[in-house]
């Protein structure tokens, strides 16, 4: 299993209930693939650099996920068709060696 970071952008006027629904959908998708949601964070509403689908602001949600590599393309496909998401980014975290951990600790 690999560790992935998922950042989603929802329209700025998204209600708390719709955010909660989206979080539960993502958690169910990950659980169905025998993965885990390690962390989740609501980054709040921020102005977008440019208009996306007539939105000038976006509500950001961040997730740390542990997923099997075989499920990543399926998750990408499911996120593409999700109506509430105007943009998303799913990236794999690099494995950190002992030297990098020591540098960050300083």
PDB file of N, CA and C in Angstrom:
ATOM      1  N   UNK A   1       0.842  -1.179   0.000  1.00  0.00           N
ATOM      2  CA  UNK A   1       0.000   0.000   0.000  1.00  0.00           C
ATOM      3  C   UNK A   1       0.883   1.237   0.000  1.00  0.00           C
ATOM      4  N   UNK A   2       0.428   2.248  -0.698  1.00  0.00           N
ATOM      5  CA  UNK A   2       1.154   3.508  -0.813  1.00  0.00           C
ATOM      6  C   UNK A   2       0.367   4.613  -0.102  1.00  0.00           C
ATOM      7  N   UNK A   3       1.070   5.660   0.271  1.00  0.00           N
ATOM      8  CA  UNK A   3       0.452   6.818   0.882  1.00  0.00           C
ATOM      9  C   UNK A   3       0.243   7.873  -0.207  1.00  0.00           C
ATOM     10  N   UNK A   4      -0.962   8.435  -0.282  1.00  0.00           N
ATOM     11  CA  UNK A   4      -1.303   9.439  -1.281  1.00  0.00           C
ATOM     12  C   UNK A   4      -1.877  10.667  -0.598  1.00  0.00           C
ATOM     13  N   UNK A   5      -1.700  11.810  -1.246  1.00  0.00           N
ATOM     14  CA  UNK A   5      -2.328  13.057  -0.807  1.00  0.00           C
ATOM     15  C   UNK A   5      -3.396  13.410  -1.826  1.00  0.00           C
ATOM     16  N   UNK A   6      -4.602  13.695  -1.346  1.00  0.00           N
ATOM     17  CA  UNK A   6      -5.698  14.104  -2.215  1.00  0.00           C
ATOM     18  C   UNK A   6      -6.164  15.481  -1.776  1.00  0.00           C
ATOM     19  N   UNK A   7      -6.129  16.427  -2.696  1.00  0.00           N
ATOM     20  CA  UNK A   7      -6.646  17.768  -2.440  1.00  0.00           C
ATOM     21  C   UNK A   7      -7.793  17.998  -3.413  1.00  0.00           C
ATOM     22  N   UNK A   8      -8.946  18.378  -2.881  1.00  0.00           N
ATOM     23  CA  UNK A   8     -10.108  18.644  -3.720  1.00  0.00           C
ATOM     24  C   UNK A   8     -10.522  20.099  -3.573  1.00  0.00           C
ATOM     25  N   UNK A   9     -11.058  20.658  -4.654  1.00  0.00           N
ATOM     26  CA  UNK A   9     -11.574  22.024  -4.634  1.00  0.00           C
ATOM     27  C   UNK A   9     -13.049  21.953  -4.998  1.00  0.00           C
ATOM     28  N   UNK A  10     -13.870  22.484  -4.117  1.00  0.00           N
ATOM     29  CA  UNK A  10     -15.313  22.548  -4.322  1.00  0.00           C
ATOM     30  C   UNK A  10     -15.687  24.001  -4.579  1.00  0.00           C
ATOM     31  N   UNK A  11     -16.863  24.258  -5.143  1.00  0.00           N
ATOM     32  CA  UNK A  11     -17.277  25.654  -5.298  1.00  0.00           C
ATOM     33  C   UNK A  11     -17.256  26.372  -3.950  1.00  0.00           C
ATOM     34  N   UNK A  12     -16.907  27.658  -3.958  1.00  0.00           N
ATOM     35  CA  UNK A  12     -16.765  28.429  -2.719  1.00  0.00           C
ATOM     36  C   UNK A  12     -18.031  28.513  -1.883  1.00  0.00           C
ATOM     37  N   UNK A  13     -19.177  28.411  -2.519  1.00  0.00           N
ATOM     38  CA  UNK A  13     -20.454  28.524  -1.795  1.00  0.00           C
ATOM     39  C   UNK A  13     -20.994  27.174  -1.340  1.00  0.00           C
ATOM     40  N   UNK A  14     -20.161  26.160  -1.319  1.00  0.00           N
ATOM     41  CA  UNK A  14     -20.574  24.823  -0.892  1.00  0.00           C
ATOM     42  C   UNK A  14     -20.935  24.841   0.586  1.00  0.00           C
ATOM     43  N   UNK A  15     -22.065  24.221   0.931  1.00  0.00           N
ATOM     44  CA  UNK A  15     -22.516  24.176   2.322  1.00  0.00           C
ATOM     45  C   UNK A  15     -21.738  23.121   3.106  1.00  0.00           C
ATOM     46  N   UNK A  16     -21.803  23.236   4.420  1.00  0.00           N
ATOM     47  CA  UNK A  16     -21.119  22.277   5.286  1.00  0.00           C
ATOM     48  C   UNK A  16     -21.694  20.870   5.099  1.00  0.00           C
ATOM     49  N   UNK A  17     -22.977  20.767   4.846  1.00  0.00           N
ATOM     50  CA  UNK A  17     -23.609  19.465   4.646  1.00  0.00           C
ATOM     51  C   UNK A  17     -23.078  18.791   3.378  1.00  0.00           C
ATOM     52  N   UNK A  18     -22.901  19.550   2.308  1.00  0.00           N
ATOM     53  CA  UNK A  18     -22.379  18.975   1.060  1.00  0.00           C
ATOM     54  C   UNK A  18     -20.914  18.562   1.220  1.00  0.00           C
ATOM     55  N   UNK A  19     -20.150  19.344   1.996  1.00  0.00           N
ATOM     56  CA  UNK A  19     -18.760  18.965   2.278  1.00  0.00           C
ATOM     57  C   UNK A  19     -18.730  17.646   3.039  1.00  0.00           C
ATOM     58  N   UNK A  20     -19.599  17.540   4.033  1.00  0.00           N
ATOM     59  CA  UNK A  20     -19.657  16.329   4.846  1.00  0.00           C
ATOM     60  C   UNK A  20     -20.042  15.125   3.992  1.00  0.00           C
ATOM     61  N   UNK A  21     -20.984  15.308   3.058  1.00  0.00           N
ATOM     62  CA  UNK A  21     -21.390  14.235   2.154  1.00  0.00           C
ATOM     63  C   UNK A  21     -20.213  13.790   1.280  1.00  0.00           C
ATOM     64  N   UNK A  22     -19.464  14.749   0.759  1.00  0.00           N
ATOM     65  CA  UNK A  22     -18.323  14.422  -0.089  1.00  0.00           C
ATOM     66  C   UNK A  22     -17.255  13.675   0.698  1.00  0.00           C
ATOM     67  N   UNK A  23     -16.988  14.121   1.917  1.00  0.00           N
ATOM     68  CA  UNK A  23     -15.998  13.444   2.763  1.00  0.00           C
ATOM     69  C   UNK A  23     -16.425  12.002   3.006  1.00  0.00           C
ATOM     70  N   UNK A  24     -17.706  11.791   3.293  1.00  0.00           N
ATOM     71  CA  UNK A  24     -18.171  10.422   3.544  1.00  0.00           C
ATOM     72  C   UNK A  24     -18.103   9.576   2.269  1.00  0.00           C
ATOM     73  N   UNK A  25     -18.368  10.168   1.086  1.00  0.00           N
ATOM     74  CA  UNK A  25     -18.252   9.428  -0.180  1.00  0.00           C
ATOM     75  C   UNK A  25     -16.812   8.973  -0.404  1.00  0.00           C
ATOM     76  N   UNK A  26     -15.864   9.879  -0.171  1.00  0.00           N
ATOM     77  CA  UNK A  26     -14.455   9.540  -0.365  1.00  0.00           C
ATOM     78  C   UNK A  26     -14.027   8.461   0.626  1.00  0.00           C
ATOM     79  N   UNK A  27     -14.469   8.585   1.878  1.00  0.00           N
ATOM     80  CA  UNK A  27     -14.132   7.575   2.879  1.00  0.00           C
ATOM     81  C   UNK A  27     -14.689   6.207   2.488  1.00  0.00           C
ATOM     82  N   UNK A  28     -15.920   6.170   1.957  1.00  0.00           N
ATOM     83  CA  UNK A  28     -16.518   4.898   1.533  1.00  0.00           C
ATOM     84  C   UNK A  28     -15.764   4.291   0.359  1.00  0.00           C
ATOM     85  N   UNK A  29     -15.359   5.140  -0.607  1.00  0.00           N
ATOM     86  CA  UNK A  29     -14.601   4.641  -1.752  1.00  0.00           C
ATOM     87  C   UNK A  29     -13.279   4.023  -1.306  1.00  0.00           C
ATOM     88  N   UNK A  30     -12.593   4.703  -0.403  1.00  0.00           N
ATOM     89  CA  UNK A  30     -11.293   4.231   0.084  1.00  0.00           C
ATOM     90  C   UNK A  30     -11.462   2.941   0.884  1.00  0.00           C
ATOM     91  N   UNK A  31     -12.492   2.901   1.722  1.00  0.00           N
ATOM     92  CA  UNK A  31     -12.746   1.710   2.538  1.00  0.00           C
ATOM     93  C   UNK A  31     -13.100   0.516   1.654  1.00  0.00           C
ATOM     94  N   UNK A  32     -13.854   0.744   0.577  1.00  0.00           N
ATOM     95  CA  UNK A  32     -14.228  -0.331  -0.337  1.00  0.00           C
ATOM     96  C   UNK A  32     -13.002  -0.926  -1.021  1.00  0.00           C
ATOM     97  N   UNK A  33     -11.970  -0.114  -1.192  1.00  0.00           N
ATOM     98  CA  UNK A  33     -10.733  -0.588  -1.820  1.00  0.00           C
ATOM     99  C   UNK A  33      -9.752  -1.122  -0.781  1.00  0.00           C
ATOM    100  N   UNK A  34     -10.221  -1.305   0.451  1.00  0.00           N
ATOM    101  CA  UNK A  34      -9.401  -1.794   1.555  1.00  0.00           C
ATOM    102  C   UNK A  34      -8.263  -0.843   1.891  1.00  0.00           C
ATOM    103  N   UNK A  35      -8.501   0.448   1.695  1.00  0.00           N
ATOM    104  CA  UNK A  35      -7.537   1.476   2.057  1.00  0.00           C
ATOM    105  C   UNK A  35      -7.946   2.159   3.352  1.00  0.00           C
ATOM    106  N   UNK A  36      -7.206   3.194   3.718  1.00  0.00           N
ATOM    107  CA  UNK A  36      -7.480   3.933   4.952  1.00  0.00           C
ATOM    108  C   UNK A  36      -7.375   5.427   4.699  1.00  0.00           C
ATOM    109  N   UNK A  37      -8.222   6.197   5.388  1.00  0.00           N
ATOM    110  CA  UNK A  37      -8.077   7.647   5.419  1.00  0.00           C
ATOM    111  C   UNK A  37      -7.253   7.943   6.664  1.00  0.00           C
ATOM    112  N   UNK A  38      -6.016   8.375   6.457  1.00  0.00           N
ATOM    113  CA  UNK A  38      -5.116   8.619   7.584  1.00  0.00           C
ATOM    114  C   UNK A  38      -5.365   9.965   8.234  1.00  0.00           C
ATOM    115  N   UNK A  39      -5.719  10.965   7.418  1.00  0.00           N
ATOM    116  CA  UNK A  39      -5.980  12.306   7.938  1.00  0.00           C
ATOM    117  C   UNK A  39      -6.877  13.044   6.951  1.00  0.00           C
ATOM    118  N   UNK A  40      -7.637  13.977   7.468  1.00  0.00           N
ATOM    119  CA  UNK A  40      -8.449  14.840   6.612  1.00  0.00           C
ATOM    120  C   UNK A  40      -8.478  16.220   7.237  1.00  0.00           C
ATOM    121  N   UNK A  41      -8.555  17.232   6.376  1.00  0.00           N
ATOM    122  CA  UNK A  41      -8.492  18.599   6.859  1.00  0.00           C
ATOM    123  C   UNK A  41      -9.298  19.498   5.939  1.00  0.00           C
ATOM    124  N   UNK A  42     -10.039  20.412   6.523  1.00  0.00           N
ATOM    125  CA  UNK A  42     -10.795  21.410   5.767  1.00  0.00           C
ATOM    126  C   UNK A  42      -9.961  22.685   5.774  1.00  0.00           C
ATOM    127  N   UNK A  43      -9.418  23.046   4.613  1.00  0.00           N
ATOM    128  CA  UNK A  43      -8.561  24.222   4.509  1.00  0.00           C
ATOM    129  C   UNK A  43      -9.360  25.504   4.371  1.00  0.00           C
ATOM    130  N   UNK A  44     -10.670  25.420   4.257  1.00  0.00           N
ATOM    131  CA  UNK A  44     -11.500  26.611   4.162  1.00  0.00           C
ATOM    132  C   UNK A  44     -11.651  27.112   2.736  1.00  0.00           C
ATOM    133  N   UNK A  45     -12.229  28.298   2.626  1.00  0.00           N
ATOM    134  CA  UNK A  45     -12.500  28.902   1.323  1.00  0.00           C
ATOM    135  C   UNK A  45     -11.388  29.887   0.983  1.00  0.00           C
ATOM    136  N   UNK A  46     -10.870  29.758  -0.233  1.00  0.00           N
ATOM    137  CA  UNK A  46      -9.804  30.654  -0.704  1.00  0.00           C
ATOM    138  C   UNK A  46     -10.163  31.154  -2.095  1.00  0.00           C
ATOM    139  N   UNK A  47      -9.681  32.345  -2.427  1.00  0.00           N
ATOM    140  CA  UNK A  47      -9.887  32.874  -3.773  1.00  0.00           C
ATOM    141  C   UNK A  47      -9.072  32.055  -4.766  1.00  0.00           C
ATOM    142  N   UNK A  48      -9.674  31.801  -5.924  1.00  0.00           N
ATOM    143  CA  UNK A  48      -8.987  31.070  -6.983  1.00  0.00           C
ATOM    144  C   UNK A  48      -8.167  32.039  -7.823  1.00  0.00           C
ATOM    145  N   UNK A  49      -7.096  31.572  -8.401  1.00  0.00           N
ATOM    146  CA  UNK A  49      -6.241  32.406  -9.249  1.00  0.00           C
ATOM    147  C   UNK A  49      -6.977  32.803 -10.530  1.00  0.00           C
ATOM    148  N   UNK A  50      -7.877  31.957 -10.976  1.00  0.00           N
ATOM    149  CA  UNK A  50      -8.676  32.239 -12.164  1.00  0.00           C
ATOM    150  C   UNK A  50     -10.035  31.556 -11.992  1.00  0.00           C
ATOM    151  N   UNK A  51     -11.008  31.978 -12.753  1.00  0.00           N
ATOM    152  CA  UNK A  51     -12.358  31.442 -12.656  1.00  0.00           C
ATOM    153  C   UNK A  51     -12.390  30.008 -13.177  1.00  0.00           C
ATOM    154  N   UNK A  52     -13.006  29.125 -12.395  1.00  0.00           N
ATOM    155  CA  UNK A  52     -13.186  27.726 -12.793  1.00  0.00           C
ATOM    156  C   UNK A  52     -14.675  27.419 -12.719  1.00  0.00           C
ATOM    157  N   UNK A  53     -15.269  27.104 -13.857  1.00  0.00           N
ATOM    158  CA  UNK A  53     -16.694  26.786 -13.931  1.00  0.00           C
ATOM    159  C   UNK A  53     -17.540  27.863 -13.238  1.00  0.00           C
ATOM    160  N   UNK A  54     -17.237  29.110 -13.535  1.00  0.00           N
ATOM    161  CA  UNK A  54     -17.940  30.289 -13.019  1.00  0.00           C
ATOM    162  C   UNK A  54     -17.776  30.484 -11.511  1.00  0.00           C
ATOM    163  N   UNK A  55     -16.740  29.912 -10.916  1.00  0.00           N
ATOM    164  CA  UNK A  55     -16.450  30.080  -9.491  1.00  0.00           C
ATOM    165  C   UNK A  55     -15.189  30.914  -9.329  1.00  0.00           C
ATOM    166  N   UNK A  56     -15.257  31.921  -8.456  1.00  0.00           N
ATOM    167  CA  UNK A  56     -14.090  32.753  -8.183  1.00  0.00           C
ATOM    168  C   UNK A  56     -13.424  32.369  -6.859  1.00  0.00           C
ATOM    169  N   UNK A  57     -14.097  31.520  -6.074  1.00  0.00           N
ATOM    170  CA  UNK A  57     -13.549  31.039  -4.805  1.00  0.00           C
ATOM    171  C   UNK A  57     -13.765  29.536  -4.732  1.00  0.00           C
ATOM    172  N   UNK A  58     -12.916  28.873  -3.965  1.00  0.00           N
ATOM    173  CA  UNK A  58     -13.024  27.424  -3.825  1.00  0.00           C
ATOM    174  C   UNK A  58     -12.860  26.996  -2.387  1.00  0.00           C
ATOM    175  N   UNK A  59     -13.593  25.956  -2.004  1.00  0.00           N
ATOM    176  CA  UNK A  59     -13.485  25.358  -0.679  1.00  0.00           C
ATOM    177  C   UNK A  59     -12.568  24.143  -0.807  1.00  0.00           C
ATOM    178  N   UNK A  60     -11.487  24.139  -0.065  1.00  0.00           N
ATOM    179  CA  UNK A  60     -10.460  23.108  -0.185  1.00  0.00           C
ATOM    180  C   UNK A  60     -10.614  22.049   0.902  1.00  0.00           C
ATOM    181  N   UNK A  61     -10.537  20.789   0.501  1.00  0.00           N
ATOM    182  CA  UNK A  61     -10.520  19.655   1.420  1.00  0.00           C
ATOM    183  C   UNK A  61      -9.275  18.833   1.122  1.00  0.00           C
ATOM    184  N   UNK A  62      -8.566  18.414   2.154  1.00  0.00           N
ATOM    185  CA  UNK A  62      -7.310  17.688   2.015  1.00  0.00           C
ATOM    186  C   UNK A  62      -7.412  16.340   2.728  1.00  0.00           C
ATOM    187  N   UNK A  63      -6.858  15.290   2.107  1.00  0.00           N
ATOM    188  CA  UNK A  63      -6.881  13.955   2.680  1.00  0.00           C
ATOM    189  C   UNK A  63      -5.508  13.309   2.535  1.00  0.00           C
ATOM    190  N   UNK A  64      -5.083  12.578   3.560  1.00  0.00           N
ATOM    191  CA  UNK A  64      -3.959  11.650   3.466  1.00  0.00           C
ATOM    192  C   UNK A  64      -4.581  10.267   3.396  1.00  0.00           C
ATOM    193  N   UNK A  65      -4.259   9.518   2.324  1.00  0.00           N
ATOM    194  CA  UNK A  65      -4.881   8.226   2.090  1.00  0.00           C
ATOM    195  C   UNK A  65      -3.829   7.134   1.967  1.00  0.00           C
ATOM    196  N   UNK A  66      -4.153   5.967   2.451  1.00  0.00           N
ATOM    197  CA  UNK A  66      -3.334   4.782   2.219  1.00  0.00           C
ATOM    198  C   UNK A  66      -4.141   3.894   1.285  1.00  0.00           C
ATOM    199  N   UNK A  67      -3.637   3.716   0.064  1.00  0.00           N
ATOM    200  CA  UNK A  67      -4.382   3.018  -0.979  1.00  0.00           C
ATOM    201  C   UNK A  67      -3.535   1.958  -1.654  1.00  0.00           C
ATOM    202  N   UNK A  68      -4.188   0.890  -2.129  1.00  0.00           N
ATOM    203  CA  UNK A  68      -3.462  -0.026  -3.008  1.00  0.00           C
ATOM    204  C   UNK A  68      -3.251   0.658  -4.359  1.00  0.00           C
ATOM    205  N   UNK A  69      -2.112   0.446  -4.962  1.00  0.00           N
ATOM    206  CA  UNK A  69      -1.779   1.105  -6.229  1.00  0.00           C
ATOM    207  C   UNK A  69      -2.775   0.787  -7.329  1.00  0.00           C
ATOM    208  N   UNK A  70      -3.377  -0.375  -7.277  1.00  0.00           N
ATOM    209  CA  UNK A  70      -4.328  -0.783  -8.307  1.00  0.00           C
ATOM    210  C   UNK A  70      -5.619   0.022  -8.265  1.00  0.00           C
ATOM    211  N   UNK A  71      -5.907   0.687  -7.161  1.00  0.00           N
ATOM    212  CA  UNK A  71      -7.155   1.437  -7.010  1.00  0.00           C
ATOM    213  C   UNK A  71      -7.039   2.891  -7.448  1.00  0.00           C
ATOM    214  N   UNK A  72      -5.840   3.392  -7.652  1.00  0.00           N
ATOM    215  CA  UNK A  72      -5.630   4.813  -7.929  1.00  0.00           C
ATOM    216  C   UNK A  72      -6.337   5.265  -9.202  1.00  0.00           C
ATOM    217  N   UNK A  73      -6.219   4.516 -10.276  1.00  0.00           N
ATOM    218  CA  UNK A  73      -6.870   4.924 -11.524  1.00  0.00           C
ATOM    219  C   UNK A  73      -8.384   4.892 -11.386  1.00  0.00           C
ATOM    220  N   UNK A  74      -8.904   3.946 -10.643  1.00  0.00           N
ATOM    221  CA  UNK A  74     -10.346   3.873 -10.403  1.00  0.00           C
ATOM    222  C   UNK A  74     -10.823   5.077  -9.590  1.00  0.00           C
ATOM    223  N   UNK A  75     -10.044   5.458  -8.580  1.00  0.00           N
ATOM    224  CA  UNK A  75     -10.399   6.629  -7.776  1.00  0.00           C
ATOM    225  C   UNK A  75     -10.360   7.889  -8.626  1.00  0.00           C
ATOM    226  N   UNK A  76      -9.363   8.022  -9.498  1.00  0.00           N
ATOM    227  CA  UNK A  76      -9.292   9.159 -10.416  1.00  0.00           C
ATOM    228  C   UNK A  76     -10.555   9.253 -11.263  1.00  0.00           C
ATOM    229  N   UNK A  77     -10.991   8.116 -11.806  1.00  0.00           N
ATOM    230  CA  UNK A  77     -12.193   8.095 -12.635  1.00  0.00           C
ATOM    231  C   UNK A  77     -13.430   8.514 -11.848  1.00  0.00           C
ATOM    232  N   UNK A  78     -13.532   8.063 -10.605  1.00  0.00           N
ATOM    233  CA  UNK A  78     -14.687   8.407  -9.771  1.00  0.00           C
ATOM    234  C   UNK A  78     -14.683   9.888  -9.391  1.00  0.00           C
ATOM    235  N   UNK A  79     -13.507  10.448  -9.158  1.00  0.00           N
ATOM    236  CA  UNK A  79     -13.426  11.870  -8.801  1.00  0.00           C
ATOM    237  C   UNK A  79     -13.747  12.761  -9.993  1.00  0.00           C
ATOM    238  N   UNK A  80     -13.405  12.317 -11.207  1.00  0.00           N
ATOM    239  CA  UNK A  80     -13.690  13.100 -12.413  1.00  0.00           C
ATOM    240  C   UNK A  80     -15.181  13.325 -12.614  1.00  0.00           C
ATOM    241  N   UNK A  81     -15.991  12.342 -12.294  1.00  0.00           N
ATOM    242  CA  UNK A  81     -17.431  12.445 -12.543  1.00  0.00           C
ATOM    243  C   UNK A  81     -18.208  13.017 -11.359  1.00  0.00           C
ATOM    244  N   UNK A  82     -17.530  13.288 -10.259  1.00  0.00           N
ATOM    245  CA  UNK A  82     -18.194  13.860  -9.086  1.00  0.00           C
ATOM    246  C   UNK A  82     -18.568  15.308  -9.374  1.00  0.00           C
ATOM    247  N   UNK A  83     -19.859  15.637  -9.275  1.00  0.00           N
ATOM    248  CA  UNK A  83     -20.354  16.972  -9.621  1.00  0.00           C
ATOM    249  C   UNK A  83     -19.867  18.075  -8.682  1.00  0.00           C
ATOM    250  N   UNK A  84     -19.684  17.750  -7.406  1.00  0.00           N
ATOM    251  CA  UNK A  84     -19.311  18.763  -6.425  1.00  0.00           C
ATOM    252  C   UNK A  84     -17.857  19.206  -6.539  1.00  0.00           C
ATOM    253  N   UNK A  85     -17.010  18.425  -7.179  1.00  0.00           N
ATOM    254  CA  UNK A  85     -15.584  18.727  -7.254  1.00  0.00           C
ATOM    255  C   UNK A  85     -15.296  19.474  -8.553  1.00  0.00           C
ATOM    256  N   UNK A  86     -14.694  20.689  -8.421  1.00  0.00           N
ATOM    257  CA  UNK A  86     -14.330  21.431  -9.633  1.00  0.00           C
ATOM    258  C   UNK A  86     -12.876  21.181 -10.033  1.00  0.00           C
ATOM    259  N   UNK A  87     -12.026  20.808  -9.091  1.00  0.00           N
ATOM    260  CA  UNK A  87     -10.646  20.401  -9.360  1.00  0.00           C
ATOM    261  C   UNK A  87     -10.196  19.451  -8.251  1.00  0.00           C
ATOM    262  N   UNK A  88      -9.240  18.592  -8.590  1.00  0.00           N
ATOM    263  CA  UNK A  88      -8.643  17.722  -7.573  1.00  0.00           C
ATOM    264  C   UNK A  88      -7.229  17.372  -7.999  1.00  0.00           C
ATOM    265  N   UNK A  89      -6.444  16.960  -7.027  1.00  0.00           N
ATOM    266  CA  UNK A  89      -5.073  16.526  -7.294  1.00  0.00           C
ATOM    267  C   UNK A  89      -4.773  15.354  -6.371  1.00  0.00           C
ATOM    268  N   UNK A  90      -4.399  14.234  -6.971  1.00  0.00           N
ATOM    269  CA  UNK A  90      -4.047  13.033  -6.226  1.00  0.00           C
ATOM    270  C   UNK A  90      -2.601  12.692  -6.549  1.00  0.00           C
ATOM    271  N   UNK A  91      -1.726  12.758  -5.545  1.00  0.00           N
ATOM    272  CA  UNK A  91      -0.303  12.482  -5.747  1.00  0.00           C
ATOM    273  C   UNK A  91       0.189  11.483  -4.704  1.00  0.00           C
ATOM    274  N   UNK A  92       1.173  10.695  -5.119  1.00  0.00           N
ATOM    275  CA  UNK A  92       1.781   9.730  -4.216  1.00  0.00           C
ATOM    276  C   UNK A  92       2.873  10.421  -3.417  1.00  0.00           C
ATOM    277  N   UNK A  93       2.919  10.168  -2.127  1.00  0.00           N
ATOM    278  CA  UNK A  93       3.988  10.707  -1.295  1.00  0.00           C
ATOM    279  C   UNK A  93       5.233   9.857  -1.490  1.00  0.00           C
ATOM    280  N   UNK A  94       6.351  10.518  -1.541  1.00  0.00           N
ATOM    281  CA  UNK A  94       7.631   9.815  -1.655  1.00  0.00           C
ATOM    282  C   UNK A  94       7.979   9.186  -0.315  1.00  0.00           C
ATOM    283  N   UNK A  95       8.630   8.051  -0.377  1.00  0.00           N
ATOM    284  CA  UNK A  95       9.104   7.436   0.858  1.00  0.00           C
ATOM    285  C   UNK A  95      10.281   8.244   1.363  1.00  0.00           C
ATOM    286  N   UNK A  96      10.261   8.553   2.623  1.00  0.00           N
ATOM    287  CA  UNK A  96      11.318   9.378   3.193  1.00  0.00           C
ATOM    288  C   UNK A  96      12.365   8.488   3.841  1.00  0.00           C
ATOM    289  N   UNK A  97      13.614   8.771   3.528  1.00  0.00           N
ATOM    290  CA  UNK A  97      14.723   8.028   4.122  1.00  0.00           C
ATOM    291  C   UNK A  97      15.068   8.585   5.489  1.00  0.00           C
ATOM    292  N   UNK A  98      15.944   7.910   6.175  1.00  0.00           N
ATOM    293  CA  UNK A  98      16.354   8.333   7.505  1.00  0.00           C
ATOM    294  C   UNK A  98      17.019   9.702   7.479  1.00  0.00           C
ATOM    295  N   UNK A  99      17.820   9.984   6.454  1.00  0.00           N
ATOM    296  CA  UNK A  99      18.530  11.272   6.375  1.00  0.00           C
ATOM    297  C   UNK A  99      17.546  12.435   6.247  1.00  0.00           C
ATOM    298  N   UNK A 100      16.517  12.260   5.422  1.00  0.00           N
ATOM    299  CA  UNK A 100      15.552  13.340   5.240  1.00  0.00           C
ATOM    300  C   UNK A 100      14.761  13.580   6.517  1.00  0.00           C
ATOM    301  N   UNK A 101      14.421  12.516   7.233  1.00  0.00           N
ATOM    302  CA  UNK A 101      13.701  12.664   8.496  1.00  0.00           C
ATOM    303  C   UNK A 101      14.548  13.428   9.511  1.00  0.00           C
ATOM    304  N   UNK A 102      15.872  13.153   9.512  1.00  0.00           N
ATOM    305  CA  UNK A 102      16.767  13.853  10.452  1.00  0.00           C
ATOM    306  C   UNK A 102      16.837  15.331  10.107  1.00  0.00           C
ATOM    307  N   UNK A 103      16.912  15.661   8.802  1.00  0.00           N
ATOM    308  CA  UNK A 103      16.966  17.079   8.398  1.00  0.00           C
ATOM    309  C   UNK A 103      15.711  17.814   8.799  1.00  0.00           C
ATOM    310  N   UNK A 104      14.565  17.187   8.654  1.00  0.00           N
ATOM    311  CA  UNK A 104      13.313  17.837   8.999  1.00  0.00           C
ATOM    312  C   UNK A 104      13.180  18.018  10.503  1.00  0.00           C
ATOM    313  N   UNK A 105      13.783  17.124  11.276  1.00  0.00           N
ATOM    314  CA  UNK A 105      13.698  17.204  12.725  1.00  0.00           C
ATOM    315  C   UNK A 105      14.498  18.375  13.281  1.00  0.00           C
ATOM    316  N   UNK A 106      15.516  18.835  12.537  1.00  0.00           N
ATOM    317  CA  UNK A 106      16.368  19.920  13.020  1.00  0.00           C
ATOM    318  C   UNK A 106      15.688  21.214  13.008  1.00  0.00           C
TER     319      UNK A 106
END
